[in-house]
N, C-alpha and C. Protein backbone atom coordinates (compact mmCIF):
# COMPACT_ATOMS: atom_id res chain seq x y z
N MET A 1 -2.09 -15.51 -12.43
CA MET A 1 -3.39 -15.96 -12.02
C MET A 1 -4.26 -14.74 -11.73
N LEU A 2 -5.47 -14.83 -12.17
CA LEU A 2 -6.46 -13.79 -11.95
C LEU A 2 -7.68 -14.47 -11.35
N CYS A 3 -8.15 -13.95 -10.21
CA CYS A 3 -9.33 -14.56 -9.61
C CYS A 3 -10.27 -13.50 -9.06
N LYS A 4 -11.54 -13.86 -9.05
CA LYS A 4 -12.59 -12.98 -8.55
C LYS A 4 -12.53 -12.95 -7.04
N ILE A 5 -12.69 -11.77 -6.46
CA ILE A 5 -12.77 -11.59 -5.01
C ILE A 5 -14.12 -10.94 -4.70
N PRO A 6 -14.53 -10.91 -3.44
CA PRO A 6 -15.79 -10.23 -3.12
C PRO A 6 -15.77 -8.78 -3.62
N ASP A 7 -16.87 -8.36 -4.21
CA ASP A 7 -16.95 -7.01 -4.78
C ASP A 7 -16.73 -5.95 -3.71
N ILE A 8 -15.94 -4.95 -4.06
CA ILE A 8 -15.70 -3.84 -3.13
C ILE A 8 -16.92 -2.95 -3.03
N ALA A 9 -17.74 -2.98 -4.07
CA ALA A 9 -18.99 -2.20 -4.11
C ALA A 9 -19.86 -2.81 -5.21
N GLU A 10 -21.15 -2.62 -5.09
CA GLU A 10 -22.05 -3.12 -6.12
C GLU A 10 -21.74 -2.44 -7.44
N GLY A 11 -21.63 -3.22 -8.49
CA GLY A 11 -21.35 -2.67 -9.81
C GLY A 11 -19.88 -2.59 -10.14
N VAL A 12 -19.01 -3.09 -9.26
CA VAL A 12 -17.56 -3.06 -9.50
C VAL A 12 -17.06 -4.50 -9.65
N ILE A 13 -16.39 -4.78 -10.74
CA ILE A 13 -15.73 -6.07 -10.92
C ILE A 13 -14.47 -6.03 -10.06
N SER A 14 -14.38 -6.94 -9.10
CA SER A 14 -13.26 -6.94 -8.16
C SER A 14 -12.44 -8.21 -8.33
N LEU A 15 -11.14 -8.02 -8.61
CA LEU A 15 -10.26 -9.13 -8.92
C LEU A 15 -8.97 -9.07 -8.12
N PHE A 16 -8.30 -10.22 -8.03
CA PHE A 16 -6.98 -10.32 -7.41
C PHE A 16 -6.04 -10.89 -8.45
N ALA A 17 -4.86 -10.29 -8.59
CA ALA A 17 -3.87 -10.74 -9.58
C ALA A 17 -2.56 -11.11 -8.89
N SER A 18 -1.98 -12.21 -9.34
CA SER A 18 -0.71 -12.67 -8.81
C SER A 18 0.00 -13.51 -9.87
N GLY A 19 1.30 -13.55 -9.80
CA GLY A 19 2.06 -14.37 -10.75
C GLY A 19 2.01 -13.82 -12.16
N ARG A 20 2.04 -14.70 -13.13
CA ARG A 20 2.02 -14.31 -14.54
C ARG A 20 0.62 -14.52 -15.10
N LEU A 21 0.02 -13.46 -15.62
CA LEU A 21 -1.32 -13.53 -16.19
C LEU A 21 -1.24 -14.09 -17.61
N SER A 22 -2.27 -14.82 -18.00
CA SER A 22 -2.27 -15.46 -19.32
C SER A 22 -3.51 -15.04 -20.12
N SER A 23 -3.51 -15.45 -21.38
CA SER A 23 -4.68 -15.16 -22.21
C SER A 23 -5.91 -15.89 -21.67
N SER A 24 -5.73 -17.06 -21.03
CA SER A 24 -6.89 -17.75 -20.47
C SER A 24 -7.46 -16.98 -19.27
N ASP A 25 -6.60 -16.28 -18.50
CA ASP A 25 -7.11 -15.42 -17.43
C ASP A 25 -8.04 -14.37 -18.02
N TYR A 26 -7.62 -13.82 -19.15
CA TYR A 26 -8.43 -12.80 -19.81
C TYR A 26 -9.69 -13.42 -20.41
N GLN A 27 -9.53 -14.44 -21.25
CA GLN A 27 -10.65 -15.03 -22.00
C GLN A 27 -11.68 -15.69 -21.09
N GLU A 28 -11.22 -16.40 -20.06
CA GLU A 28 -12.13 -17.19 -19.24
C GLU A 28 -12.63 -16.48 -17.98
N LYS A 29 -11.89 -15.48 -17.52
CA LYS A 29 -12.28 -14.81 -16.27
C LYS A 29 -12.67 -13.35 -16.48
N LEU A 30 -11.76 -12.54 -17.03
CA LEU A 30 -12.02 -11.11 -17.12
C LEU A 30 -13.05 -10.76 -18.19
N LYS A 31 -12.88 -11.26 -19.38
CA LYS A 31 -13.77 -10.90 -20.49
C LYS A 31 -15.23 -11.20 -20.18
N PRO A 32 -15.58 -12.40 -19.66
CA PRO A 32 -16.99 -12.64 -19.35
C PRO A 32 -17.54 -11.68 -18.30
N LEU A 33 -16.73 -11.32 -17.31
CA LEU A 33 -17.18 -10.38 -16.29
C LEU A 33 -17.44 -9.00 -16.89
N ILE A 34 -16.55 -8.57 -17.79
CA ILE A 34 -16.73 -7.28 -18.46
C ILE A 34 -18.00 -7.30 -19.30
N GLU A 35 -18.21 -8.37 -20.07
CA GLU A 35 -19.40 -8.47 -20.91
C GLU A 35 -20.68 -8.48 -20.08
N GLN A 36 -20.65 -9.19 -18.95
CA GLN A 36 -21.82 -9.25 -18.07
C GLN A 36 -22.12 -7.87 -17.50
N SER A 37 -21.10 -7.18 -17.02
CA SER A 37 -21.29 -5.85 -16.44
C SER A 37 -21.83 -4.87 -17.48
N ARG A 38 -21.21 -4.89 -18.66
CA ARG A 38 -21.66 -3.97 -19.71
C ARG A 38 -23.11 -4.28 -20.11
N GLY A 39 -23.47 -5.55 -20.15
CA GLY A 39 -24.84 -5.94 -20.51
C GLY A 39 -25.86 -5.53 -19.46
N GLU A 40 -25.47 -5.60 -18.20
CA GLU A 40 -26.40 -5.28 -17.11
C GLU A 40 -26.53 -3.79 -16.86
N THR A 41 -25.42 -3.07 -16.90
CA THR A 41 -25.44 -1.65 -16.51
C THR A 41 -24.99 -0.69 -17.61
N GLY A 42 -24.37 -1.24 -18.66
CA GLY A 42 -23.83 -0.37 -19.71
C GLY A 42 -22.49 0.25 -19.32
N LYS A 43 -21.97 -0.12 -18.15
CA LYS A 43 -20.71 0.45 -17.67
C LYS A 43 -19.81 -0.65 -17.13
N VAL A 44 -18.51 -0.33 -17.08
CA VAL A 44 -17.54 -1.28 -16.53
C VAL A 44 -16.62 -0.54 -15.57
N PHE A 45 -16.70 -0.93 -14.31
CA PHE A 45 -15.82 -0.42 -13.26
C PHE A 45 -14.99 -1.60 -12.78
N LEU A 46 -13.67 -1.44 -12.79
CA LEU A 46 -12.77 -2.56 -12.51
C LEU A 46 -11.80 -2.21 -11.39
N TYR A 47 -11.77 -3.08 -10.38
CA TYR A 47 -10.85 -2.97 -9.24
C TYR A 47 -9.94 -4.19 -9.29
N VAL A 48 -8.63 -3.96 -9.36
CA VAL A 48 -7.67 -5.07 -9.40
C VAL A 48 -6.66 -4.87 -8.28
N GLU A 49 -6.64 -5.82 -7.36
CA GLU A 49 -5.67 -5.81 -6.27
C GLU A 49 -4.59 -6.84 -6.62
N ALA A 50 -3.33 -6.48 -6.45
CA ALA A 50 -2.23 -7.38 -6.81
C ALA A 50 -1.29 -7.55 -5.63
N ASP A 51 -0.63 -8.69 -5.61
CA ASP A 51 0.40 -8.88 -4.60
C ASP A 51 1.77 -8.65 -5.23
N VAL A 52 2.81 -8.68 -4.42
CA VAL A 52 4.16 -8.38 -4.92
C VAL A 52 4.69 -9.46 -5.86
N LEU A 53 4.00 -10.58 -5.97
CA LEU A 53 4.42 -11.66 -6.86
C LEU A 53 3.91 -11.48 -8.29
N LEU A 54 3.15 -10.41 -8.53
CA LEU A 54 2.65 -10.16 -9.89
C LEU A 54 3.82 -9.96 -10.83
N GLU A 55 3.83 -10.72 -11.93
CA GLU A 55 4.90 -10.63 -12.93
C GLU A 55 4.46 -9.92 -14.20
N GLY A 56 3.17 -9.81 -14.43
CA GLY A 56 2.66 -9.20 -15.65
C GLY A 56 2.02 -10.25 -16.54
N TRP A 57 1.86 -9.91 -17.82
CA TRP A 57 1.23 -10.81 -18.78
C TRP A 57 2.26 -11.76 -19.36
N ASP A 58 1.86 -12.99 -19.62
CA ASP A 58 2.67 -13.96 -20.34
C ASP A 58 2.91 -13.39 -21.74
N ALA A 59 4.16 -13.39 -22.19
CA ALA A 59 4.50 -12.80 -23.49
C ALA A 59 3.69 -13.39 -24.63
N ASN A 60 3.35 -14.67 -24.56
CA ASN A 60 2.57 -15.31 -25.62
C ASN A 60 1.16 -14.74 -25.72
N SER A 61 0.68 -14.12 -24.65
CA SER A 61 -0.67 -13.53 -24.65
C SER A 61 -0.69 -12.19 -25.36
N LEU A 62 0.47 -11.60 -25.55
CA LEU A 62 0.55 -10.24 -26.09
C LEU A 62 1.17 -10.22 -27.49
N THR A 63 0.85 -11.19 -28.30
CA THR A 63 1.46 -11.32 -29.62
C THR A 63 0.84 -10.41 -30.66
N GLY A 64 -0.20 -9.70 -30.29
CA GLY A 64 -0.88 -8.84 -31.26
C GLY A 64 -2.00 -9.57 -31.99
N SER A 65 -2.25 -10.80 -31.60
CA SER A 65 -3.28 -11.59 -32.28
C SER A 65 -4.67 -11.34 -31.72
N GLY A 66 -4.78 -10.41 -30.79
CA GLY A 66 -6.08 -10.09 -30.22
C GLY A 66 -6.48 -11.01 -29.07
N GLU A 67 -5.56 -11.85 -28.60
CA GLU A 67 -5.89 -12.74 -27.50
C GLU A 67 -6.26 -11.95 -26.25
N VAL A 68 -5.52 -10.89 -25.98
CA VAL A 68 -5.79 -10.04 -24.83
C VAL A 68 -6.00 -8.63 -25.33
N ARG A 69 -7.23 -8.15 -25.17
CA ARG A 69 -7.55 -6.79 -25.59
C ARG A 69 -8.55 -6.24 -24.59
N LEU A 70 -8.07 -5.34 -23.73
CA LEU A 70 -8.97 -4.75 -22.75
C LEU A 70 -9.98 -3.86 -23.44
N ASP A 71 -11.23 -4.15 -23.19
CA ASP A 71 -12.30 -3.30 -23.71
C ASP A 71 -12.27 -1.97 -22.99
N ASN A 72 -12.98 -1.00 -23.54
CA ASN A 72 -13.11 0.27 -22.85
C ASN A 72 -13.85 0.05 -21.54
N PHE A 73 -13.44 0.76 -20.53
CA PHE A 73 -14.11 0.68 -19.24
C PHE A 73 -14.26 2.09 -18.72
N ASP A 74 -15.11 2.25 -17.72
CA ASP A 74 -15.39 3.58 -17.20
C ASP A 74 -14.37 4.02 -16.17
N ALA A 75 -13.91 3.09 -15.35
CA ALA A 75 -12.87 3.41 -14.36
C ALA A 75 -12.14 2.13 -13.98
N LEU A 76 -10.84 2.29 -13.74
CA LEU A 76 -9.99 1.17 -13.34
C LEU A 76 -9.10 1.65 -12.20
N VAL A 77 -9.13 0.91 -11.10
CA VAL A 77 -8.21 1.22 -10.01
C VAL A 77 -7.39 -0.03 -9.74
N LEU A 78 -6.08 0.16 -9.68
CA LEU A 78 -5.15 -0.92 -9.40
C LEU A 78 -4.55 -0.66 -8.02
N VAL A 79 -4.48 -1.72 -7.21
CA VAL A 79 -4.06 -1.57 -5.83
C VAL A 79 -2.95 -2.56 -5.53
N GLY A 80 -1.86 -2.05 -4.92
CA GLY A 80 -0.77 -2.91 -4.51
C GLY A 80 0.11 -3.32 -5.66
N GLY A 81 0.69 -4.51 -5.53
CA GLY A 81 1.58 -5.03 -6.56
C GLY A 81 3.02 -4.64 -6.32
N PRO A 82 3.90 -5.12 -7.18
CA PRO A 82 5.32 -4.77 -7.06
C PRO A 82 5.55 -3.30 -7.44
N ASP A 83 6.73 -2.80 -7.19
CA ASP A 83 7.04 -1.38 -7.46
C ASP A 83 6.75 -0.98 -8.91
N TRP A 84 7.08 -1.84 -9.86
CA TRP A 84 6.92 -1.47 -11.26
C TRP A 84 5.44 -1.29 -11.64
N PHE A 85 4.55 -1.91 -10.88
CA PHE A 85 3.12 -1.87 -11.19
C PHE A 85 2.59 -0.43 -11.14
N GLY A 86 2.88 0.26 -10.04
CA GLY A 86 2.45 1.65 -9.91
C GLY A 86 3.07 2.54 -10.96
N ASN A 87 4.36 2.31 -11.26
CA ASN A 87 5.04 3.10 -12.29
C ASN A 87 4.40 2.89 -13.66
N ALA A 88 4.04 1.66 -13.97
CA ALA A 88 3.40 1.37 -15.25
C ALA A 88 2.06 2.08 -15.37
N VAL A 89 1.30 2.07 -14.28
CA VAL A 89 0.00 2.74 -14.30
C VAL A 89 0.17 4.24 -14.51
N ARG A 90 1.12 4.84 -13.79
CA ARG A 90 1.36 6.28 -13.96
C ARG A 90 1.84 6.62 -15.37
N LEU A 91 2.61 5.71 -15.97
CA LEU A 91 3.11 5.93 -17.32
C LEU A 91 2.01 5.79 -18.37
N MET A 92 1.21 4.73 -18.26
CA MET A 92 0.20 4.43 -19.28
C MET A 92 -1.15 5.09 -19.04
N GLY A 93 -1.44 5.48 -17.81
CA GLY A 93 -2.73 6.07 -17.47
C GLY A 93 -3.19 7.20 -18.38
N PRO A 94 -2.31 8.16 -18.68
CA PRO A 94 -2.75 9.27 -19.53
C PRO A 94 -3.12 8.86 -20.96
N PHE A 95 -2.71 7.68 -21.38
CA PHE A 95 -3.01 7.22 -22.74
C PHE A 95 -4.27 6.35 -22.80
N MET A 96 -4.87 6.12 -21.67
CA MET A 96 -6.08 5.28 -21.64
C MET A 96 -7.31 6.16 -21.75
N GLN A 97 -8.38 5.58 -22.26
CA GLN A 97 -9.60 6.33 -22.52
C GLN A 97 -10.53 6.41 -21.32
N SER A 98 -10.12 5.88 -20.21
CA SER A 98 -10.96 5.91 -19.02
C SER A 98 -10.16 6.47 -17.85
N GLU A 99 -10.85 6.62 -16.73
CA GLU A 99 -10.15 7.07 -15.54
C GLU A 99 -9.38 5.89 -14.95
N VAL A 100 -8.11 6.12 -14.64
CA VAL A 100 -7.24 5.07 -14.12
C VAL A 100 -6.48 5.62 -12.92
N ALA A 101 -6.36 4.79 -11.89
CA ALA A 101 -5.59 5.21 -10.71
C ALA A 101 -4.86 4.00 -10.14
N TRP A 102 -3.78 4.28 -9.40
CA TRP A 102 -3.04 3.24 -8.68
C TRP A 102 -2.86 3.71 -7.25
N TYR A 103 -3.01 2.78 -6.32
CA TYR A 103 -2.79 3.05 -4.90
C TYR A 103 -1.95 1.92 -4.31
N PRO A 104 -1.04 2.26 -3.40
CA PRO A 104 -0.33 1.19 -2.70
C PRO A 104 -1.32 0.42 -1.84
N LEU A 105 -0.97 -0.81 -1.49
CA LEU A 105 -1.89 -1.67 -0.73
C LEU A 105 -2.31 -1.04 0.59
N GLU A 106 -1.41 -0.31 1.23
CA GLU A 106 -1.77 0.31 2.51
C GLU A 106 -2.78 1.44 2.35
N ALA A 107 -3.05 1.85 1.11
CA ALA A 107 -4.05 2.89 0.85
C ALA A 107 -5.30 2.29 0.19
N LYS A 108 -5.56 1.04 0.47
CA LYS A 108 -6.71 0.34 -0.12
C LYS A 108 -8.02 1.07 0.17
N VAL A 109 -8.19 1.60 1.35
CA VAL A 109 -9.42 2.32 1.70
C VAL A 109 -9.60 3.52 0.78
N GLU A 110 -8.52 4.23 0.49
CA GLU A 110 -8.60 5.39 -0.41
C GLU A 110 -8.92 4.94 -1.84
N ALA A 111 -8.39 3.79 -2.26
CA ALA A 111 -8.67 3.26 -3.59
C ALA A 111 -10.16 2.94 -3.73
N ILE A 112 -10.72 2.34 -2.69
CA ILE A 112 -12.14 2.01 -2.72
C ILE A 112 -12.98 3.29 -2.74
N ALA A 113 -12.57 4.30 -2.00
CA ALA A 113 -13.28 5.58 -2.01
C ALA A 113 -13.20 6.22 -3.39
N TRP A 114 -12.04 6.14 -4.05
CA TRP A 114 -11.86 6.69 -5.39
C TRP A 114 -12.86 6.03 -6.35
N MET A 115 -12.95 4.70 -6.27
CA MET A 115 -13.85 3.98 -7.16
C MET A 115 -15.31 4.31 -6.84
N THR A 116 -15.65 4.39 -5.57
CA THR A 116 -17.02 4.70 -5.15
C THR A 116 -17.46 6.07 -5.69
N GLU A 117 -16.55 7.03 -5.69
CA GLU A 117 -16.87 8.35 -6.27
C GLU A 117 -17.22 8.24 -7.75
N ARG A 118 -16.53 7.40 -8.48
CA ARG A 118 -16.80 7.24 -9.90
C ARG A 118 -18.14 6.55 -10.15
N LEU A 119 -18.50 5.65 -9.27
CA LEU A 119 -19.79 4.97 -9.38
C LEU A 119 -20.95 5.94 -9.24
N GLU A 120 -20.75 6.96 -8.42
CA GLU A 120 -21.83 7.91 -8.12
C GLU A 120 -21.99 9.00 -9.16
N LYS A 121 -21.08 9.07 -10.12
CA LYS A 121 -21.16 10.11 -11.16
C LYS A 121 -22.25 9.79 -12.16
C-alpha cells in the first residue's frame, strides 16, 4: 500500500509505504503525483517513509511490461522500513540518475533536512 501523507516541505511528494506495493499503487497514486509535480515545477522531489511491514513490489508489477517505471526525479529520500530497505538503497543508489538517500526512522529529522537542502539548490 502506498498513500499520500502531509508534505514534509512545499514541493516534495510525501508518501507512506507498507505491505506489498502493486502496479496500481504506482499507476493510480505515484505516477499522477510525479506528473503533477513535474508539470508545476519541472522537478520531482520524493520522500517515502516506510514501516517494518514493507515487503516490496508485487512480482506481477515487475514483469518488464512497463507497468512500474520510476521516472527520473531530482531527489529521493527513503526513511525507515525493514532492514533490507536501507541495504537496497545503498546498493542501488549509485546506479540511479538522481540523488538518493536512506535514513532510519529515528533519523527522520535528518532525512527532512537532507531533502530541504536539495530543494534549495
